[in-house]
Structures are given as C-alpha cells and as structure tokens.
C-alpha atoms as a PDB file:
ATOM      1  CA  MET A   1     109.066 121.967  71.531  1.00  0.00           C
ATOM      2  CA  ILE A   2     112.422 120.744  72.835  1.00  0.00           C
ATOM      3  CA  GLU A   3     113.376 117.431  71.253  1.00  0.00           C
ATOM      4  CA  TYR A   4     114.434 114.785  73.751  1.00  0.00           C
ATOM      5  CA  HIS A   5     115.435 111.190  73.292  1.00  0.00           C
ATOM      6  CA  ILE A   6     114.438 109.077  76.256  1.00  0.00           C
ATOM      7  CA  SER A   7     114.178 105.446  77.292  1.00  0.00           C
ATOM      8  CA  PHE A   8     112.356 103.447  79.934  1.00  0.00           C
ATOM      9  CA  ALA A   9     113.396 100.816  82.416  1.00  0.00           C
ATOM     10  CA  GLY A  10     110.132  99.000  83.025  1.00  0.00           C
ATOM     11  CA  ALA A  11     107.075  98.277  80.891  1.00  0.00           C
ATOM     12  CA  GLY A  12     104.291  98.053  83.440  1.00  0.00           C
ATOM     13  CA  LYS A  13     101.326 100.309  84.125  1.00  0.00           C
ATOM     14  CA  VAL A  14     103.201 103.502  84.989  1.00  0.00           C
ATOM     15  CA  ALA A  15     105.914 103.047  82.372  1.00  0.00           C
ATOM     16  CA  GLY A  16     103.341 102.211  79.711  1.00  0.00           C
ATOM     17  CA  ALA A  17     101.147 105.235  80.429  1.00  0.00           C
ATOM     18  CA  LEU A  18     104.052 107.690  80.529  1.00  0.00           C
ATOM     19  CA  CYS A  19     105.813 106.202  77.523  1.00  0.00           C
ATOM     20  CA  ARG A  20     102.757 106.172  75.269  1.00  0.00           C
ATOM     21  CA  GLU A  21     101.778 109.718  76.170  1.00  0.00           C
ATOM     22  CA  LEU A  22     105.303 111.087  75.730  1.00  0.00           C
ATOM     23  CA  TYR A  23     105.505 109.347  72.364  1.00  0.00           C
ATOM     24  CA  ARG A  24     102.170 110.855  71.304  1.00  0.00           C
ATOM     25  CA  SER A  25     103.502 114.240  72.444  1.00  0.00           C
ATOM     26  CA  GLY A  26     106.448 114.024  70.059  1.00  0.00           C
ATOM     27  CA  ILE A  27     109.190 112.701  72.346  1.00  0.00           C
ATOM     28  CA  LYS A  28     111.514 110.177  70.701  1.00  0.00           C
ATOM     29  CA  ILE A  29     111.508 106.864  72.601  1.00  0.00           C
ATOM     30  CA  ILE A  30     114.750 104.955  72.056  1.00  0.00           C
ATOM     31  CA  GLN A  31     114.600 101.834  74.227  1.00  0.00           C
ATOM     32  CA  ILE A  32     112.280  99.843  76.457  1.00  0.00           C
ATOM     33  CA  ILE A  33     114.189  97.680  78.922  1.00  0.00           C
ATOM     34  CA  SER A  34     112.123  95.150  80.852  1.00  0.00           C
ATOM     35  CA  ARG A  35     112.243  91.647  82.261  1.00  0.00           C
ATOM     36  CA  SER A  36     108.973  90.725  80.563  1.00  0.00           C
ATOM     37  CA  PRO A  37     109.474  90.216  76.815  1.00  0.00           C
ATOM     38  CA  SER A  38     105.743  90.266  76.085  1.00  0.00           C
ATOM     39  CA  GLU A  39     105.028  93.598  77.811  1.00  0.00           C
ATOM     40  CA  GLY A  40     108.330  95.164  76.762  1.00  0.00           C
ATOM     41  CA  LYS A  41     108.078  94.234  73.085  1.00  0.00           C
ATOM     42  CA  LEU A  42     104.460  95.375  72.903  1.00  0.00           C
ATOM     43  CA  LEU A  43     105.268  98.773  74.408  1.00  0.00           C
ATOM     44  CA  ALA A  44     108.332  99.138  72.198  1.00  0.00           C
ATOM     45  CA  SER A  45     106.298  98.382  69.071  1.00  0.00           C
ATOM     46  CA  GLU A  46     103.680 100.978  70.049  1.00  0.00           C
ATOM     47  CA  CYS A  47     106.333 103.661  70.554  1.00  0.00           C
ATOM     48  CA  ASN A  48     108.685 102.795  67.690  1.00  0.00           C
ATOM     49  CA  ALA A  49     111.406 101.791  70.145  1.00  0.00           C
ATOM     50  CA  VAL A  50     113.733  98.835  70.656  1.00  0.00           C
ATOM     51  CA  TRP A  51     113.197  96.283  73.433  1.00  0.00           C
ATOM     52  CA  SER A  52     115.889  94.573  75.462  1.00  0.00           C
ATOM     53  CA  SER A  53     116.206  92.793  78.785  1.00  0.00           C
ATOM     54  CA  GLU A  54     119.679  94.234  79.424  1.00  0.00           C
ATOM     55  CA  LEU A  55     120.006  97.496  81.366  1.00  0.00           C
ATOM     56  CA  SER A  56     122.413  98.969  78.831  1.00  0.00           C
ATOM     57  CA  PHE A  57     121.288 102.289  77.359  1.00  0.00           C
ATOM     58  CA  SER A  58     122.284 103.995  74.131  1.00  0.00           C
ATOM     59  CA  SER A  59     124.374 107.176  74.126  1.00  0.00           C
ATOM     60  CA  GLU A  60     121.460 108.804  72.237  1.00  0.00           C
ATOM     61  CA  ASN A  61     119.458 109.080  75.437  1.00  0.00           C
ATOM     62  CA  ASP A  62     118.958 112.413  77.150  1.00  0.00           C
ATOM     63  CA  ALA A  63     117.039 110.765  79.982  1.00  0.00           C
ATOM     64  CA  ILE A  64     116.052 107.375  81.339  1.00  0.00           C
ATOM     65  CA  ILE A  65     112.828 106.978  83.301  1.00  0.00           C
ATOM     66  CA  VAL A  66     112.872 104.047  85.707  1.00  0.00           C
ATOM     67  CA  ALA A  67     109.311 102.869  86.402  1.00  0.00           C
ATOM     68  CA  VAL A  68     109.600  99.558  88.215  1.00  0.00           C
ATOM     69  CA  PRO A  69     108.098  98.121  91.439  1.00  0.00           C
ATOM     70  CA  ASP A  70     109.575  99.684  94.581  1.00  0.00           C
ATOM     71  CA  HIS A  71     111.120  96.403  95.735  1.00  0.00           C
ATOM     72  CA  SER A  72     113.148  96.222  92.489  1.00  0.00           C
ATOM     73  CA  LEU A  73     114.151  99.877  92.289  1.00  0.00           C
ATOM     74  CA  ILE A  74     117.560  99.856  93.984  1.00  0.00           C
ATOM     75  CA  ASP A  75     118.757  96.751  92.118  1.00  0.00           C
ATOM     76  CA  VAL A  76     117.590  98.143  88.769  1.00  0.00           C
ATOM     77  CA  LEU A  77     119.287 101.494  89.376  1.00  0.00           C
ATOM     78  CA  ALA A  78     122.497  99.735  90.348  1.00  0.00           C
ATOM     79  CA  GLY A  79     122.438  97.730  87.114  1.00  0.00           C
ATOM     80  CA  ILE A  80     121.916 100.652  84.709  1.00  0.00           C
ATOM     81  CA  ARG A  81     124.725 101.388  82.260  1.00  0.00           C
ATOM     82  CA  CYS A  82     124.436 104.728  80.479  1.00  0.00           C
ATOM     83  CA  HIS A  83     126.614 107.693  79.486  1.00  0.00           C
ATOM     84  CA  ASP A  84     127.650 110.152  82.192  1.00  0.00           C
ATOM     85  CA  ASP A  85     125.530 113.075  80.999  1.00  0.00           C
ATOM     86  CA  CYS A  86     122.267 111.119  80.866  1.00  0.00           C
ATOM     87  CA  VAL A  87     119.575 112.051  83.377  1.00  0.00           C
ATOM     88  CA  VAL A  88     118.192 109.057  85.284  1.00  0.00           C
ATOM     89  CA  ALA A  89     114.912 109.488  87.163  1.00  0.00           C
ATOM     90  CA  HIS A  90     112.608 107.078  88.966  1.00  0.00           C
ATOM     91  CA  THR A  91     108.834 107.325  89.418  1.00  0.00           C
ATOM     92  CA  ALA A  92     108.499 106.062  93.000  1.00  0.00           C
ATOM     93  CA  GLY A  93     106.588 108.214  95.465  1.00  0.00           C
ATOM     94  CA  SER A  94     108.331 106.941  98.597  1.00  0.00           C
ATOM     95  CA  TYR A  95     111.956 107.281  97.513  1.00  0.00           C
ATOM     96  CA  GLY A  96     114.179 110.245  96.780  1.00  0.00           C
ATOM     97  CA  THR A  97     117.542 110.681  95.092  1.00  0.00           C
ATOM     98  CA  GLU A  98     119.298 108.788  97.894  1.00  0.00           C
ATOM     99  CA  VAL A  99     118.648 105.480  96.097  1.00  0.00           C
ATOM    100  CA  PHE A 100     120.808 106.305  93.084  1.00  0.00           C
ATOM    101  CA  PRO A 101     124.376 104.983  92.801  1.00  0.00           C
ATOM    102  CA  SER A 102     126.947 107.674  93.636  1.00  0.00           C
ATOM    103  CA  THR A 103     128.428 107.314  90.148  1.00  0.00           C
ATOM    104  CA  MET A 104     125.313 108.826  88.533  1.00  0.00           C
ATOM    105  CA  LYS A 105     125.735 112.569  88.040  1.00  0.00           C
ATOM    106  CA  HIS A 106     122.244 113.642  86.975  1.00  0.00           C
ATOM    107  CA  THR A 107     119.366 112.082  88.881  1.00  0.00           C
ATOM    108  CA  GLY A 108     115.824 112.908  89.888  1.00  0.00           C
ATOM    109  CA  VAL A 109     112.286 111.829  90.679  1.00  0.00           C
ATOM    110  CA  PHE A 110     109.483 111.953  88.109  1.00  0.00           C
ATOM    111  CA  TYR A 111     106.401 111.091  90.172  1.00  0.00           C
ATOM    112  CA  PRO A 112     102.928 111.520  88.627  1.00  0.00           C
ATOM    113  CA  LEU A 113     100.263 111.812  91.337  1.00  0.00           C
ATOM    114  CA  GLN A 114      97.770 109.463  89.699  1.00  0.00           C
ATOM    115  CA  THR A 115      96.586 105.864  89.662  1.00  0.00           C
ATOM    116  CA  PHE A 116      97.243 103.806  86.537  1.00  0.00           C
ATOM    117  CA  SER A 117      95.566 100.617  85.329  1.00  0.00           C
ATOM    118  CA  LYS A 118      96.150  98.514  82.250  1.00  0.00           C
ATOM    119  CA  GLY A 119      93.754  99.220  79.418  1.00  0.00           C
ATOM    120  CA  ARG A 120      92.579 102.515  80.880  1.00  0.00           C
ATOM    121  CA  GLU A 121      93.551 105.891  79.428  1.00  0.00           C
ATOM    122  CA  VAL A 122      94.428 108.657  81.870  1.00  0.00           C
ATOM    123  CA  SER A 123      94.464 112.353  81.053  1.00  0.00           C
ATOM    124  CA  PHE A 124      97.753 114.083  81.837  1.00  0.00           C
ATOM    125  CA  ILE A 125      96.332 117.581  81.441  1.00  0.00           C
ATOM    126  CA  ASN A 126      96.941 119.438  84.725  1.00  0.00           C
ATOM    127  CA  LEU A 127      98.112 116.212  86.350  1.00  0.00           C
ATOM    128  CA  PRO A 128     100.426 117.023  89.292  1.00  0.00           C
ATOM    129  CA  PHE A 129     104.022 115.877  88.839  1.00  0.00           C
ATOM    130  CA  LEU A 130     105.949 115.913  92.117  1.00  0.00           C
ATOM    131  CA  LEU A 131     109.536 116.278  90.947  1.00  0.00           C
ATOM    132  CA  GLU A 132     112.944 116.266  92.561  1.00  0.00           C
ATOM    133  CA  ALA A 133     116.267 116.910  90.854  1.00  0.00           C
ATOM    134  CA  SER A 134     119.923 116.616  91.784  1.00  0.00           C
ATOM    135  CA  GLY A 135     120.959 119.635  89.729  1.00  0.00           C
ATOM    136  CA  ILE A 136     120.172 122.132  87.000  1.00  0.00           C
ATOM    137  CA  LYS A 137     120.301 119.698  84.079  1.00  0.00           C
ATOM    138  CA  SER A 138     118.006 117.078  85.577  1.00  0.00           C
ATOM    139  CA  LYS A 139     115.634 119.797  86.819  1.00  0.00           C
ATOM    140  CA  GLU A 140     115.338 121.305  83.342  1.00  0.00           C
ATOM    141  CA  ILE A 141     114.746 118.015  81.522  1.00  0.00           C
ATOM    142  CA  LEU A 142     112.250 116.588  84.027  1.00  0.00           C
ATOM    143  CA  ASN A 143     110.382 119.889  84.160  1.00  0.00           C
ATOM    144  CA  ASN A 144     110.136 120.027  80.354  1.00  0.00           C
ATOM    145  CA  LEU A 145     108.983 116.408  80.081  1.00  0.00           C
ATOM    146  CA  ALA A 146     106.193 117.017  82.613  1.00  0.00           C
ATOM    147  CA  LEU A 147     105.121 120.184  80.806  1.00  0.00           C
ATOM    148  CA  THR A 148     105.177 118.367  77.468  1.00  0.00           C
ATOM    149  CA  LEU A 149     102.633 115.947  78.937  1.00  0.00           C
ATOM    150  CA  GLY A 150     100.442 118.874  79.992  1.00  0.00           C
ATOM    151  CA  GLY A 151     101.165 118.335  83.668  1.00  0.00           C
ATOM    152  CA  LYS A 152     101.497 120.788  86.544  1.00  0.00           C
ATOM    153  CA  VAL A 153     104.998 120.785  87.998  1.00  0.00           C
ATOM    154  CA  HIS A 154     105.743 120.829  91.727  1.00  0.00           C
ATOM    155  CA  PHE A 155     109.357 120.549  92.856  1.00  0.00           C
ATOM    156  CA  ILE A 156     109.261 119.219  96.409  1.00  0.00           C
ATOM    157  CA  ASP A 157     111.680 117.364  98.656  1.00  0.00           C
ATOM    158  CA  THR A 158     111.568 113.658  99.467  1.00  0.00           C
ATOM    159  CA  GLU A 159     109.790 113.936 102.810  1.00  0.00           C
ATOM    160  CA  ARG A 160     106.949 116.060 101.440  1.00  0.00           C
ATOM    161  CA  ARG A 161     106.531 113.695  98.496  1.00  0.00           C
ATOM    162  CA  ARG A 162     106.417 110.719 100.883  1.00  0.00           C
ATOM    163  CA  MET A 163     103.626 112.431 102.789  1.00  0.00           C
ATOM    164  CA  ALA A 164     101.792 113.084  99.515  1.00  0.00           C
ATOM    165  CA  HIS A 165     102.216 109.436  98.566  1.00  0.00           C
ATOM    166  CA  LEU A 166     100.819 108.351 101.931  1.00  0.00           C
ATOM    167  CA  ALA A 167      97.861 110.714 101.545  1.00  0.00           C
ATOM    168  CA  ALA A 168      97.295 109.276  98.064  1.00  0.00           C
ATOM    169  CA  VAL A 169      96.975 105.794  99.569  1.00  0.00           C
ATOM    170  CA  PHE A 170      94.069 107.045 101.692  1.00  0.00           C
ATOM    171  CA  VAL A 171      92.517 108.939  98.768  1.00  0.00           C
ATOM    172  CA  ASN A 172      92.812 106.132  96.237  1.00  0.00           C
ATOM    173  CA  ASN A 173      93.715 102.706  97.603  1.00  0.00           C
ATOM    174  CA  PHE A 174      91.730 102.806 100.839  1.00  0.00           C
ATOM    175  CA  THR A 175      88.753 104.487  99.184  1.00  0.00           C
ATOM    176  CA  ASN A 176      88.710 101.821  96.491  1.00  0.00           C
ATOM    177  CA  HIS A 177      88.807  99.100  99.148  1.00  0.00           C
ATOM    178  CA  MET A 178      85.770 100.696 100.811  1.00  0.00           C
ATOM    179  CA  LEU A 179      83.985 100.680  97.446  1.00  0.00           C
ATOM    180  CA  ASN A 180      84.823  97.014  97.090  1.00  0.00           C
ATOM    181  CA  ALA A 181      83.329  96.363 100.544  1.00  0.00           C
ATOM    182  CA  ALA A 182      80.204  98.282  99.505  1.00  0.00           C
ATOM    183  CA  ASP A 183      79.934  96.120  96.397  1.00  0.00           C
ATOM    184  CA  GLU A 184      80.173  92.988  98.541  1.00  0.00           C
ATOM    185  CA  ILE A 185      77.459  94.215 100.923  1.00  0.00           C
ATOM    186  CA  ALA A 186      75.171  95.343  98.101  1.00  0.00           C
ATOM    187  CA  SER A 187      75.509  92.027  96.303  1.00  0.00           C
ATOM    188  CA  ARG A 188      73.999  90.289  99.338  1.00  0.00           C
ATOM    189  CA  ALA A 189      70.822  92.268  98.633  1.00  0.00           C
ATOM    190  CA  ASP A 190      71.086  91.491  94.919  1.00  0.00           C
ATOM    191  CA  LEU A 191      71.866  95.149  94.150  1.00  0.00           C
ATOM    192  CA  SER A 192      74.149  96.222  91.315  1.00  0.00           C
ATOM    193  CA  PHE A 193      77.115  98.378  92.267  1.00  0.00           C
ATOM    194  CA  ASP A 194      76.199 100.969  89.622  1.00  0.00           C
ATOM    195  CA  ILE A 195      73.240 102.068  91.751  1.00  0.00           C
ATOM    196  CA  PHE A 196      75.812 103.909  93.879  1.00  0.00           C
ATOM    197  CA  GLU A 197      77.339 105.879  91.011  1.00  0.00           C
ATOM    198  CA  PRO A 198      75.488 109.172  91.720  1.00  0.00           C
ATOM    199  CA  LEU A 199      76.427 108.905  95.409  1.00  0.00           C
ATOM    200  CA  ILE A 200      80.085 108.210  94.624  1.00  0.00           C
ATOM    201  CA  ARG A 201      80.308 111.126  92.216  1.00  0.00           C
ATOM    202  CA  GLU A 202      78.620 113.551  94.625  1.00  0.00           C
ATOM    203  CA  THR A 203      80.757 112.373  97.552  1.00  0.00           C
ATOM    204  CA  ILE A 204      83.987 113.121  95.691  1.00  0.00           C
ATOM    205  CA  ALA A 205      82.719 116.344  94.101  1.00  0.00           C
ATOM    206  CA  LYS A 206      81.520 117.648  97.467  1.00  0.00           C
ATOM    207  CA  ALA A 207      84.823 116.838  99.156  1.00  0.00           C
ATOM    208  CA  ILE A 208      86.647 118.792  96.444  1.00  0.00           C
ATOM    209  CA  ASP A 209      84.224 121.734  96.485  1.00  0.00           C
ATOM    210  CA  LEU A 210      83.608 122.071 100.224  1.00  0.00           C
ATOM    211  CA  SER A 211      86.587 120.184 101.748  1.00  0.00           C
ATOM    212  CA  PRO A 212      86.365 116.706 103.316  1.00  0.00           C
ATOM    213  CA  GLU A 213      86.038 118.254 106.779  1.00  0.00           C
ATOM    214  CA  LYS A 214      82.825 120.076 105.869  1.00  0.00           C
ATOM    215  CA  SER A 215      81.364 117.271 103.773  1.00  0.00           C
ATOM    216  CA  GLN A 216      81.020 114.529 106.384  1.00  0.00           C
ATOM    217  CA  THR A 217      77.520 113.116 106.825  1.00  0.00           C
ATOM    218  CA  GLY A 218      76.112 109.838 108.146  1.00  0.00           C
ATOM    219  CA  PRO A 219      75.325 108.091 111.423  1.00  0.00           C
ATOM    220  CA  ALA A 220      78.795 108.453 112.948  1.00  0.00           C
ATOM    221  CA  VAL A 221      78.998 112.242 112.658  1.00  0.00           C
ATOM    222  CA  ARG A 222      75.449 112.414 114.107  1.00  0.00           C
ATOM    223  CA  ASN A 223      76.369 109.929 116.841  1.00  0.00           C
ATOM    224  CA  ASP A 224      73.324 107.868 115.839  1.00  0.00           C
ATOM    225  CA  VAL A 225      73.934 104.884 118.108  1.00  0.00           C
ATOM    226  CA  ASN A 226      70.802 102.976 117.063  1.00  0.00           C
ATOM    227  CA  THR A 227      71.701 103.025 113.370  1.00  0.00           C
ATOM    228  CA  ILE A 228      75.317 102.128 114.109  1.00  0.00           C
ATOM    229  CA  GLU A 229      74.241  99.098 116.155  1.00  0.00           C
ATOM    230  CA  LYS A 230      71.856  97.966 113.398  1.00  0.00           C
ATOM    231  CA  HIS A 231      74.612  98.227 110.825  1.00  0.00           C
ATOM    232  CA  LEU A 232      76.969  96.167 112.981  1.00  0.00           C
ATOM    233  CA  GLU A 233      74.251  93.521 113.368  1.00  0.00           C
ATOM    234  CA  ILE A 234      73.771  93.339 109.601  1.00  0.00           C
ATOM    235  CA  LEU A 235      77.530  92.921 109.203  1.00  0.00           C
ATOM    236  CA  SER A 236      77.524  89.785 111.360  1.00  0.00           C
ATOM    237  CA  PHE A 237      78.264  87.813 108.176  1.00  0.00           C
ATOM    238  CA  SER A 238      81.749  89.374 108.136  1.00  0.00           C
ATOM    239  CA  PRO A 239      83.708  90.031 111.365  1.00  0.00           C
ATOM    240  CA  GLU A 240      86.343  91.772 109.242  1.00  0.00           C
ATOM    241  CA  LEU A 241      83.847  94.297 107.864  1.00  0.00           C
ATOM    242  CA  GLN A 242      82.374  94.711 111.336  1.00  0.00           C
ATOM    243  CA  ASN A 243      85.808  95.654 112.610  1.00  0.00           C
ATOM    244  CA  ILE A 244      86.424  98.103 109.755  1.00  0.00           C
ATOM    245  CA  TYR A 245      83.001  99.702 110.320  1.00  0.00           C
ATOM    246  CA  SER A 246      83.632 100.011 114.072  1.00  0.00           C
ATOM    247  CA  GLU A 247      87.118 101.496 113.697  1.00  0.00           C
ATOM    248  CA  ILE A 248      86.108 104.082 111.106  1.00  0.00           C
ATOM    249  CA  THR A 249      82.972 104.980 113.063  1.00  0.00           C
ATOM    250  CA  ARG A 250      85.022 105.553 116.221  1.00  0.00           C
ATOM    251  CA  SER A 251      87.492 107.656 114.256  1.00  0.00           C
ATOM    252  CA  ILE A 252      84.735 109.874 112.815  1.00  0.00           C
ATOM    253  CA  ILE A 253      83.083 110.314 116.219  1.00  0.00           C
ATOM    254  CA  LYS A 254      86.414 111.220 117.813  1.00  0.00           C
ATOM    255  CA  HIS A 255      87.292 113.622 115.010  1.00  0.00           C
ATOM    256  CA  TYR A 256      84.055 115.535 115.482  1.00  0.00           C
ATOM    257  CA  ASN A 257      84.460 115.531 119.282  1.00  0.00           C
ATOM    258  CA  LYS A 258      81.516 113.286 119.998  1.00  0.00           C
ATOM    259  CA  LYS A 259      81.271 110.264 122.251  1.00  0.00           C
ATOM    260  CA  VAL A 260      79.285 107.073 121.968  1.00  0.00           C
END
C-alpha cells in the first residue's frame, strides 16, 4: 500500500467518515483543521492527528481534503496555506476545480456518492467516488485514496458530477422527505413507521433489479381516480401534503401517458 500523509479541512459528517476510514485503512492523518474545537479535537484524537483552527498545513502533507459546507468552500480554499506540491481536493458534488485559487498547482474533487450521518457507520466497499483532477499527480493520489477505501473510481467532469449530485437529491433527500411524510400520516392512525419496512426494502430492491421505470405501481399509474380523490380527502388535515400528493400524482400520470 502506498503511504500517504493527509490532512482535513473540516470535521463534520463527511470529513469524519472519510478521515476515520482512511485512518483505519493505514493512511497517516496529520492535521484536522476546523472552526469547531469540540468536533475537531474529537476527530483528531480518534485519528492520532493534531487539531487547529488555522488553515496552515504542514509540509508533511501529500494531500488535503476539504470537506466543508458548500457556502464556506470558496473562503476556506482561499485561506489554505500549504506547500506547492500538496494536492488539495474538495468533496462538494456541485463544484469543480474552478473554485480553487489560481496559485494552487495540484487540485481535484474527491466526491463520495453517499449520504453521511453522525453516529452511523457507512461501508466504503464499492462506493462510487466521482473524481476530478487538474493533472497527473492529483489524479494518481485521489485515485489511490479512493481505492484504499475500497471504493469504485469514476473520473468525470464537473457538469456530469453536478447532474449526478442532482439525481442523488431525488434518490436520497426527496425520498427521505416522502418517508417522513408517510411517518406523519401513519402516526395519525397510531401506526408505527416500522410497519413499512418490508415495503421500503422491496421498493428500493425492485427499482434496482427491474429499473424505476418498470417498477411503478399504485393508483396514479393505474389512473385510479376514485382512490386518488379519497386520498386527497384524507389529506385535508395538511394542504401541503395534499399539494405534494397532487403534483407527484400528475407527474406519474403524465409520465405513463395517461390522463385524469
């Protein structure tokens, strides 16, 4: 295994997951730089690293991974002080190498296509990493770091990664919001959310096995107007959920070339 020395700017969910797994995989973690002393010091202690709030990085570093909120990314990159040969990569799905200061020679994107939450372990085995690199050196190091984690490497340009990030919002964020709505509706009937676990698992498994296009079921795809109207009546307690139900139902009907 190639021995790298790397550091992190950021100590949140993404930084924490990547840092801990790289450390467990034998990568030497040098520094954790973060605004939050509590999160930064905890992560540093877990990975035998040094914490600081200053964006000044040791000459030992082969690479710096910047995992910070998107709204802070440009300012953090502009504040980084490191040696000229160090590779600097961010983890944002919606930005490319255009956000790096022109003085940085070796830059890239190290984007894991996954959702991360505090206190929850995520497997990196076969996890897609959508990478971008400014040159040979950054490409080699980012590729090797992703492979060290057990990931599957995909080098793609910024626009394709932005589209993947957008698709991921539908797959993860919007789906989770629908599950939250289901939980709210079920609770009104004094039903526990876990009653839906078999349905959730089969829904996702079927979409993967058959494709989402071929997996669609329900009143909208059947154009079952009576059931749709009953559902909307039940949802009278929440105009917002009524609107969501109506919009998605119309979208499904249109997609399958049916009319109300």
